[in-house]
Amino acid sequence: MLVCKAWRSDGLVLIRNSQQQKARLLNWTHREAERKSFVSVCSTLGELGMAFHVAPGANKGDIAGQHRQALRRRRSGSAPLMLLALVLLALALLAGVAYVFIGSRGSTPPMQTLITADALMHSQRIAKAAPRAMLGDPEAFKQLHDSRKEFNNNVRVLLEGGNYQGDKIQAPSSDMSQNLKELRMAWQSSDKAADSIFRLKTELTGISAAHEKMKDLTPVLQELSEQVTKLKVEWGGTPREIHAAAQLSMLTQRLAKNALQLKISDGVDPEVAFMVGKDASTFRDIVDGLLDGSEALKLSLSKDAETRDRLTELKAQFAEYQKHVNQILGLMPKFIAAKQAEQLILSDNENLKQTLIKLQKKYRGQP
């Protein structure tokens, strides 16, 4: 409320705005008021939202009456504006809600799209895990098992409907059902292949461990073979004995090379596996011939103690090496089966990926 007081004796007017809690003091004379027609008073009152004209010599009652008239004019003029502002605000809020609702409905994909995306991720995970499982990686077997399980669950939910992470998934339409059957067909071979590799976990882990043992023993065999050759030369061994000793170094290198090829090659070459077995037998026969003599190889037994010590140590180290060779060769049929399963997963992966992408587009309504 605006309270105005006037003292005609000195023209002092006090204007107070109770809402803003501040006072403004104007001092003027009647002569100044007459000259300026009380413009300053009206201006000050206008700043407070209550502009009205005060005549010279106005008393308290005149000012109060003018104030009431100004207040009525202000209220009558501001009411339509206030109503218009409220209407516009309500319309803006309704438009915003409608935009969010319609936009969210148009941009949120169906749950089937998310399930398909999850299946795509697991298909790629399986393709990456299979080669690592062939190398005996324990984590790869876990990924292979878990992703195969999740992929099968995704396909089942898409085909039959059901619960997925707390959401109810409806059974597919007849048109979509045909696309899902194509997905199932594309997945069947990889599904069986992934299961085959996982079931051979023990064998593949054993083969990997055998390769690591052979890798550790290779430099030991190489060093001992070179020492035997050197001693044969120093002790005046026959050319045949020196040549036989030199063969040990060559066989050690070839065994390591062929064993690695069996482990990392895309396919298992039966010839390579045969050579590994043959070279291992040849190595053992040469060591025995140099140590104890051999009529078949035309080798005499070694008589000097130092050479015999080296040959004895070499024989013991190679016995451990050959144990791992035999383990790998014995598991070769299962390793070949797992290798074929791995190749099947990798060859089918691109087709499976494209089938899933096509299905995603179908759910999104894309061509």
Protein backbone atom coordinates (compact mmCIF):
# COMPACT_ATOMS: atom_id res chain seq x y z
CA MET A 1 0.00 0.00 0.00
CA LEU A 2 1.26 3.54 -0.83
CA VAL A 3 0.86 6.12 1.97
CA CYS A 4 1.18 9.83 1.09
CA LYS A 5 1.19 12.78 3.47
CA ALA A 6 1.32 16.53 2.70
CA TRP A 7 2.11 19.58 4.77
CA ARG A 8 0.95 22.74 3.09
CA SER A 9 3.08 24.88 5.32
CA ASP A 10 6.35 23.90 3.69
CA GLY A 11 5.29 21.63 0.83
CA LEU A 12 6.91 18.50 2.36
CA VAL A 13 5.60 15.24 0.93
CA LEU A 14 6.62 11.77 2.24
CA ILE A 15 6.00 8.82 -0.07
CA ARG A 16 6.39 5.29 1.35
CA ASN A 17 6.10 1.95 -0.47
CA SER A 18 5.38 -0.69 2.17
CA GLN A 19 6.19 -3.57 -0.23
CA GLN A 20 9.71 -2.40 -0.97
CA GLN A 21 10.21 -1.14 2.58
CA LYS A 22 11.90 2.10 1.58
CA ALA A 23 11.03 5.80 1.84
CA ARG A 24 11.58 8.60 -0.61
CA LEU A 25 11.49 12.22 0.45
CA LEU A 26 10.54 14.99 -1.97
CA ASN A 27 10.75 18.63 -1.03
CA TRP A 28 9.32 21.31 -3.22
CA THR A 29 7.69 24.72 -2.99
CA HIS A 30 4.34 25.68 -4.40
CA ARG A 31 6.12 27.98 -6.80
CA GLU A 32 8.29 25.12 -8.08
CA ALA A 33 5.28 22.81 -8.23
CA GLU A 34 3.37 25.37 -10.21
CA ARG A 35 6.25 25.88 -12.61
CA LYS A 36 6.93 22.19 -13.20
CA SER A 37 3.32 21.07 -12.75
CA PHE A 38 4.51 18.57 -10.22
CA VAL A 39 6.30 16.51 -12.87
CA SER A 40 8.89 15.34 -10.39
CA VAL A 41 6.20 14.11 -8.03
CA CYS A 42 4.41 12.21 -10.79
CA SER A 43 7.72 10.76 -11.99
CA THR A 44 8.62 9.50 -8.55
CA LEU A 45 5.20 8.03 -8.01
CA GLY A 46 5.42 6.42 -11.46
CA GLU A 47 8.62 4.64 -10.47
CA LEU A 48 6.68 3.12 -7.63
CA GLY A 49 3.88 2.10 -9.98
CA MET A 50 1.45 4.75 -8.70
CA ALA A 51 1.58 7.79 -11.06
CA PHE A 52 -1.06 10.47 -10.58
CA HIS A 53 -1.11 14.24 -10.84
CA VAL A 54 -1.23 16.34 -7.64
CA ALA A 55 -2.49 19.93 -7.98
CA PRO A 56 -0.77 22.80 -6.16
CA GLY A 57 -1.98 23.18 -2.62
CA ALA A 58 -3.43 19.67 -2.51
CA ASN A 59 -4.34 18.49 0.90
CA LYS A 60 -4.12 15.04 2.46
CA GLY A 61 -7.61 14.02 1.34
CA ASP A 62 -6.98 15.07 -2.28
CA ILE A 63 -3.77 13.05 -2.47
CA ALA A 64 -5.46 9.99 -0.97
CA GLY A 65 -8.28 10.21 -3.48
CA GLN A 66 -5.88 10.51 -6.38
CA HIS A 67 -3.99 7.52 -5.01
CA ARG A 68 -7.11 5.33 -4.90
CA GLN A 69 -8.01 6.23 -8.49
CA ALA A 70 -4.47 5.38 -9.66
CA LEU A 71 -4.62 2.07 -7.84
CA ARG A 72 -7.93 1.15 -9.53
CA ARG A 73 -6.51 2.06 -12.94
CA ARG A 74 -3.45 -0.06 -12.30
CA ARG A 75 -5.47 -3.08 -11.24
CA SER A 76 -7.93 -2.80 -14.12
CA GLY A 77 -5.09 -2.48 -16.64
CA SER A 78 -2.84 -5.25 -15.28
CA ALA A 79 -5.49 -7.93 -14.87
CA PRO A 80 -5.85 -8.73 -18.62
CA LEU A 81 -2.08 -8.78 -19.01
CA MET A 82 -1.72 -11.17 -16.10
CA LEU A 83 -4.40 -13.45 -17.54
CA LEU A 84 -2.72 -13.41 -20.95
CA ALA A 85 0.64 -14.27 -19.40
CA LEU A 86 -0.87 -17.22 -17.54
CA VAL A 87 -2.54 -18.52 -20.71
CA LEU A 88 0.70 -18.26 -22.68
CA LEU A 89 2.63 -20.02 -19.92
CA ALA A 90 0.09 -22.86 -19.81
CA LEU A 91 0.27 -23.26 -23.59
CA ALA A 92 4.07 -23.33 -23.49
CA LEU A 93 4.03 -26.02 -20.81
CA LEU A 94 1.56 -28.14 -22.75
CA ALA A 95 3.64 -27.80 -25.90
CA GLY A 96 6.77 -28.84 -24.03
CA VAL A 97 5.11 -31.91 -22.54
CA ALA A 98 3.73 -32.91 -25.93
CA TYR A 99 7.13 -32.49 -27.56
CA VAL A 100 8.88 -34.62 -24.96
CA PHE A 101 6.18 -37.31 -25.10
CA ILE A 102 6.05 -37.52 -28.89
CA GLY A 103 9.82 -37.24 -29.22
CA SER A 104 10.46 -39.95 -26.69
CA ARG A 105 7.99 -42.30 -28.37
CA GLY A 106 9.61 -41.73 -31.73
CA SER A 107 13.23 -42.06 -30.57
CA THR A 108 12.99 -44.98 -28.14
CA PRO A 109 13.64 -48.25 -29.98
CA PRO A 110 11.69 -51.37 -29.09
CA MET A 111 13.28 -53.76 -26.59
CA GLN A 112 13.78 -56.26 -29.41
CA THR A 113 16.30 -53.86 -30.95
CA LEU A 114 18.29 -53.81 -27.73
CA ILE A 115 18.17 -57.61 -27.50
CA THR A 116 19.42 -57.88 -31.07
CA ALA A 117 22.26 -55.47 -30.29
CA ASP A 118 23.21 -57.60 -27.29
CA ALA A 119 23.22 -60.72 -29.48
CA LEU A 120 25.46 -58.94 -31.98
CA MET A 121 27.93 -58.08 -29.23
CA HIS A 122 28.05 -61.69 -28.02
CA SER A 123 28.54 -63.03 -31.55
CA GLN A 124 31.64 -60.84 -31.94
CA ARG A 125 32.85 -61.84 -28.49
CA ILE A 126 32.63 -65.51 -29.44
CA ALA A 127 34.61 -64.90 -32.64
CA LYS A 128 37.38 -63.24 -30.63
CA ALA A 129 37.39 -65.81 -27.83
CA ALA A 130 37.62 -68.93 -30.02
CA PRO A 131 41.23 -68.41 -31.24
CA ARG A 132 42.36 -67.56 -27.72
CA ALA A 133 40.68 -70.69 -26.37
CA MET A 134 42.69 -72.71 -28.89
CA LEU A 135 45.79 -71.35 -27.14
CA GLY A 136 44.49 -72.53 -23.77
CA ASP A 137 43.49 -69.12 -22.37
CA PRO A 138 41.21 -69.80 -19.34
CA GLU A 139 39.40 -66.46 -19.64
CA ALA A 140 38.62 -67.18 -23.30
CA PHE A 141 36.79 -70.38 -22.34
CA LYS A 142 34.68 -68.43 -19.84
CA GLN A 143 33.80 -65.79 -22.45
CA LEU A 144 32.99 -68.50 -24.97
CA HIS A 145 30.64 -70.25 -22.54
CA ASP A 146 28.94 -67.10 -21.22
CA SER A 147 28.41 -65.44 -24.61
CA ARG A 148 27.04 -68.63 -26.16
CA LYS A 149 24.57 -68.92 -23.29
CA GLU A 150 23.47 -65.27 -23.62
CA PHE A 151 23.14 -65.50 -27.39
CA ASN A 152 20.90 -68.57 -27.13
CA ASN A 153 18.77 -66.82 -24.52
CA ASN A 154 18.43 -63.76 -26.77
CA VAL A 155 17.31 -65.86 -29.73
CA ARG A 156 14.82 -67.75 -27.56
CA VAL A 157 13.23 -64.54 -26.22
CA LEU A 158 12.99 -63.02 -29.69
CA LEU A 159 11.42 -66.15 -31.12
CA GLU A 160 9.06 -67.06 -28.29
CA GLY A 161 8.67 -63.90 -26.22
CA GLY A 162 9.12 -63.85 -22.47
CA ASN A 163 11.02 -61.95 -19.81
CA TYR A 164 14.16 -60.00 -20.61
CA GLN A 165 15.87 -58.09 -17.80
CA GLY A 166 12.52 -57.44 -16.13
CA ASP A 167 10.66 -56.43 -19.32
CA LYS A 168 7.90 -58.46 -20.94
CA ILE A 169 8.70 -59.27 -24.57
CA GLN A 170 5.82 -60.15 -26.86
CA ALA A 171 5.97 -63.04 -29.32
CA PRO A 172 6.94 -61.88 -32.84
CA SER A 173 4.58 -61.33 -35.74
CA SER A 174 4.51 -63.89 -38.54
CA ASP A 175 6.61 -61.63 -40.76
CA MET A 176 9.24 -61.05 -38.08
CA SER A 177 9.15 -64.71 -37.10
CA GLN A 178 10.53 -65.65 -40.52
CA ASN A 179 13.50 -63.30 -40.06
CA LEU A 180 14.17 -64.79 -36.64
CA LYS A 181 14.17 -68.30 -38.06
CA GLU A 182 16.83 -67.17 -40.53
CA LEU A 183 18.87 -65.92 -37.58
CA ARG A 184 18.54 -69.24 -35.81
CA MET A 185 19.70 -71.10 -38.91
CA ALA A 186 22.71 -68.77 -39.29
CA TRP A 187 23.64 -69.37 -35.66
CA GLN A 188 23.27 -73.16 -35.42
CA SER A 189 26.71 -74.09 -36.78
CA SER A 190 28.55 -71.54 -34.65
CA ASP A 191 26.56 -72.63 -31.62
CA LYS A 192 27.70 -76.24 -31.98
CA ALA A 193 31.26 -75.18 -32.78
CA ALA A 194 31.51 -72.97 -29.69
CA ASP A 195 30.18 -75.82 -27.56
CA SER A 196 32.74 -78.22 -29.06
CA ILE A 197 35.66 -75.94 -28.22
CA PHE A 198 34.40 -75.42 -24.68
CA ARG A 199 34.05 -79.17 -24.12
CA LEU A 200 37.70 -79.63 -25.14
CA LYS A 201 38.92 -77.17 -22.53
CA THR A 202 40.99 -79.78 -20.64
CA GLU A 203 42.70 -81.08 -23.77
CA LEU A 204 43.42 -77.65 -25.24
CA THR A 205 44.75 -76.38 -21.92
CA GLY A 206 47.00 -79.46 -21.69
CA ILE A 207 48.35 -78.95 -25.21
CA SER A 208 49.10 -75.31 -24.46
CA ALA A 209 50.95 -76.23 -21.28
CA ALA A 210 52.97 -78.87 -23.17
CA HIS A 211 54.00 -76.28 -25.76
CA GLU A 212 55.19 -73.96 -22.99
CA LYS A 213 57.29 -76.72 -21.43
CA MET A 214 58.86 -77.52 -24.79
CA LYS A 215 59.57 -73.84 -25.31
CA ASP A 216 61.38 -73.68 -21.94
CA LEU A 217 63.44 -76.80 -22.66
CA THR A 218 64.51 -75.80 -26.18
CA PRO A 219 67.42 -73.49 -25.16
CA VAL A 220 68.63 -76.16 -22.68
CA LEU A 221 68.72 -78.82 -25.39
CA GLN A 222 70.42 -76.41 -27.77
CA GLU A 223 73.17 -75.55 -25.29
CA LEU A 224 73.87 -79.18 -24.35
CA SER A 225 73.91 -80.28 -28.02
CA GLU A 226 76.51 -77.64 -28.88
CA GLN A 227 78.67 -78.70 -25.92
CA VAL A 228 78.61 -82.35 -27.06
CA THR A 229 79.66 -81.32 -30.59
CA LYS A 230 82.52 -79.23 -29.21
CA LEU A 231 83.73 -82.05 -26.97
CA LYS A 232 83.64 -84.55 -29.84
CA VAL A 233 85.89 -82.25 -31.83
CA GLU A 234 88.26 -81.71 -28.89
CA TRP A 235 88.52 -85.41 -28.07
CA GLY A 236 89.14 -86.43 -31.63
CA GLY A 237 85.81 -87.96 -32.50
CA THR A 238 85.27 -89.52 -35.90
CA PRO A 239 83.64 -87.43 -38.66
CA ARG A 240 80.48 -89.52 -38.30
CA GLU A 241 80.33 -88.84 -34.55
CA ILE A 242 80.91 -85.11 -35.03
CA HIS A 243 78.25 -84.99 -37.74
CA ALA A 244 75.78 -86.89 -35.53
CA ALA A 245 76.42 -84.47 -32.66
CA ALA A 246 75.86 -81.48 -34.98
CA GLN A 247 72.55 -82.98 -36.06
CA LEU A 248 71.27 -82.65 -32.50
CA SER A 249 71.43 -78.84 -32.72
CA MET A 250 69.62 -78.85 -36.06
CA LEU A 251 66.89 -81.20 -34.79
CA THR A 252 66.35 -79.05 -31.70
CA GLN A 253 65.67 -76.01 -33.88
CA ARG A 254 63.39 -77.88 -36.28
CA LEU A 255 61.38 -79.43 -33.46
CA ALA A 256 60.77 -75.99 -31.95
CA LYS A 257 59.74 -74.54 -35.33
CA ASN A 258 57.33 -77.32 -36.25
CA ALA A 259 55.80 -77.48 -32.77
CA LEU A 260 55.05 -73.76 -32.96
CA GLN A 261 53.51 -74.20 -36.40
CA LEU A 262 51.15 -76.83 -35.01
CA LYS A 263 50.09 -74.37 -32.34
CA ILE A 264 49.45 -71.19 -34.29
CA SER A 265 48.71 -72.17 -37.89
CA ASP A 266 45.20 -71.77 -39.31
CA GLY A 267 45.01 -75.48 -40.06
CA VAL A 268 46.87 -78.55 -38.86
CA ASP A 269 49.22 -79.98 -41.48
CA PRO A 270 49.50 -83.77 -40.96
CA GLU A 271 52.96 -83.67 -42.51
CA VAL A 272 54.16 -81.24 -39.86
CA ALA A 273 52.81 -83.44 -37.08
CA PHE A 274 54.54 -86.45 -38.64
CA MET A 275 57.84 -84.57 -38.83
CA VAL A 276 57.66 -83.60 -35.16
CA GLY A 277 57.26 -87.24 -34.16
CA LYS A 278 60.00 -88.40 -36.51
CA ASP A 279 62.52 -85.75 -35.43
CA ALA A 280 61.92 -86.56 -31.77
CA SER A 281 62.67 -90.24 -32.39
CA THR A 282 65.79 -89.39 -34.40
CA PHE A 283 67.08 -87.10 -31.65
CA ARG A 284 66.69 -89.81 -29.02
CA ASP A 285 68.41 -92.45 -31.20
CA ILE A 286 71.43 -90.19 -31.84
CA VAL A 287 71.88 -89.39 -28.13
CA ASP A 288 71.68 -93.10 -27.25
CA GLY A 289 74.11 -93.96 -30.08
CA LEU A 290 76.70 -91.37 -28.97
CA LEU A 291 76.39 -92.48 -25.35
CA ASP A 292 76.31 -96.27 -25.68
CA GLY A 293 77.12 -96.91 -29.35
CA SER A 294 74.79 -97.94 -32.20
CA GLU A 295 75.34 -100.42 -35.00
CA ALA A 296 72.42 -98.99 -37.00
CA LEU A 297 73.92 -95.48 -36.91
CA LYS A 298 77.51 -96.81 -36.97
CA LEU A 299 78.43 -94.88 -33.83
CA SER A 300 80.90 -95.90 -31.13
CA LEU A 301 80.21 -95.26 -27.47
CA SER A 302 81.82 -92.18 -25.96
CA LYS A 303 84.62 -93.01 -23.54
CA ASP A 304 85.70 -89.67 -22.06
CA ALA A 305 83.89 -88.79 -18.84
CA GLU A 306 83.09 -85.17 -19.70
CA THR A 307 81.38 -86.09 -22.96
CA ARG A 308 79.44 -88.85 -21.28
CA ASP A 309 78.27 -86.47 -18.53
CA ARG A 310 76.95 -84.03 -21.11
CA LEU A 311 75.24 -86.79 -23.08
CA THR A 312 73.66 -88.20 -19.92
CA GLU A 313 72.29 -84.79 -18.98
CA LEU A 314 71.09 -84.24 -22.55
CA LYS A 315 69.30 -87.59 -22.51
CA ALA A 316 67.47 -86.75 -19.27
CA GLN A 317 66.38 -83.30 -20.50
CA PHE A 318 65.19 -84.70 -23.80
CA ALA A 319 63.16 -87.43 -22.04
CA GLU A 320 61.14 -84.64 -20.43
CA TYR A 321 60.89 -82.85 -23.77
CA GLN A 322 59.69 -85.95 -25.59
CA LYS A 323 57.01 -86.54 -22.95
CA HIS A 324 55.40 -83.26 -23.96
CA VAL A 325 55.84 -84.04 -27.65
CA ASN A 326 54.00 -87.32 -27.19
CA GLN A 327 51.25 -85.56 -25.23
CA ILE A 328 50.66 -83.10 -28.08
CA LEU A 329 50.72 -85.79 -30.74
CA GLY A 330 48.37 -87.97 -28.71
CA LEU A 331 45.82 -85.15 -28.43
CA MET A 332 46.20 -84.13 -32.06
CA PRO A 333 42.83 -85.59 -33.24
CA LYS A 334 40.96 -83.55 -30.64
CA PHE A 335 43.06 -80.50 -31.40
CA ILE A 336 42.18 -80.85 -35.08
CA ALA A 337 38.48 -81.10 -34.21
CA ALA A 338 38.70 -77.94 -32.11
CA LYS A 339 40.62 -76.20 -34.89
CA GLN A 340 37.89 -77.03 -37.37
CA ALA A 341 35.28 -75.65 -34.94
CA GLU A 342 37.29 -72.45 -34.61
CA GLN A 343 37.50 -72.03 -38.38
CA LEU A 344 33.75 -72.60 -38.68
CA ILE A 345 33.03 -69.84 -36.15
CA LEU A 346 35.31 -67.40 -37.96
CA SER A 347 33.96 -68.21 -41.43
CA ASP A 348 30.31 -67.91 -40.32
CA ASN A 349 30.80 -64.79 -38.26
CA GLU A 350 30.37 -62.23 -41.03
CA ASN A 351 27.11 -63.80 -42.24
CA LEU A 352 25.83 -63.96 -38.67
CA LYS A 353 26.76 -60.32 -38.14
CA GLN A 354 24.93 -59.15 -41.27
CA THR A 355 21.85 -61.18 -40.34
CA LEU A 356 21.71 -59.46 -36.96
CA ILE A 357 22.18 -56.00 -38.48
CA LYS A 358 19.38 -56.70 -40.93
CA LEU A 359 17.15 -57.77 -38.05
CA GLN A 360 17.96 -54.59 -36.13
CA LYS A 361 16.91 -52.44 -39.08
CA LYS A 362 13.71 -54.44 -39.38
CA TYR A 363 12.79 -53.73 -35.77
CA ARG A 364 13.56 -50.04 -36.25
CA GLY A 365 11.40 -49.88 -39.34
CA GLN A 366 14.36 -49.07 -41.57
CA PRO A 367 14.63 -50.41 -45.15
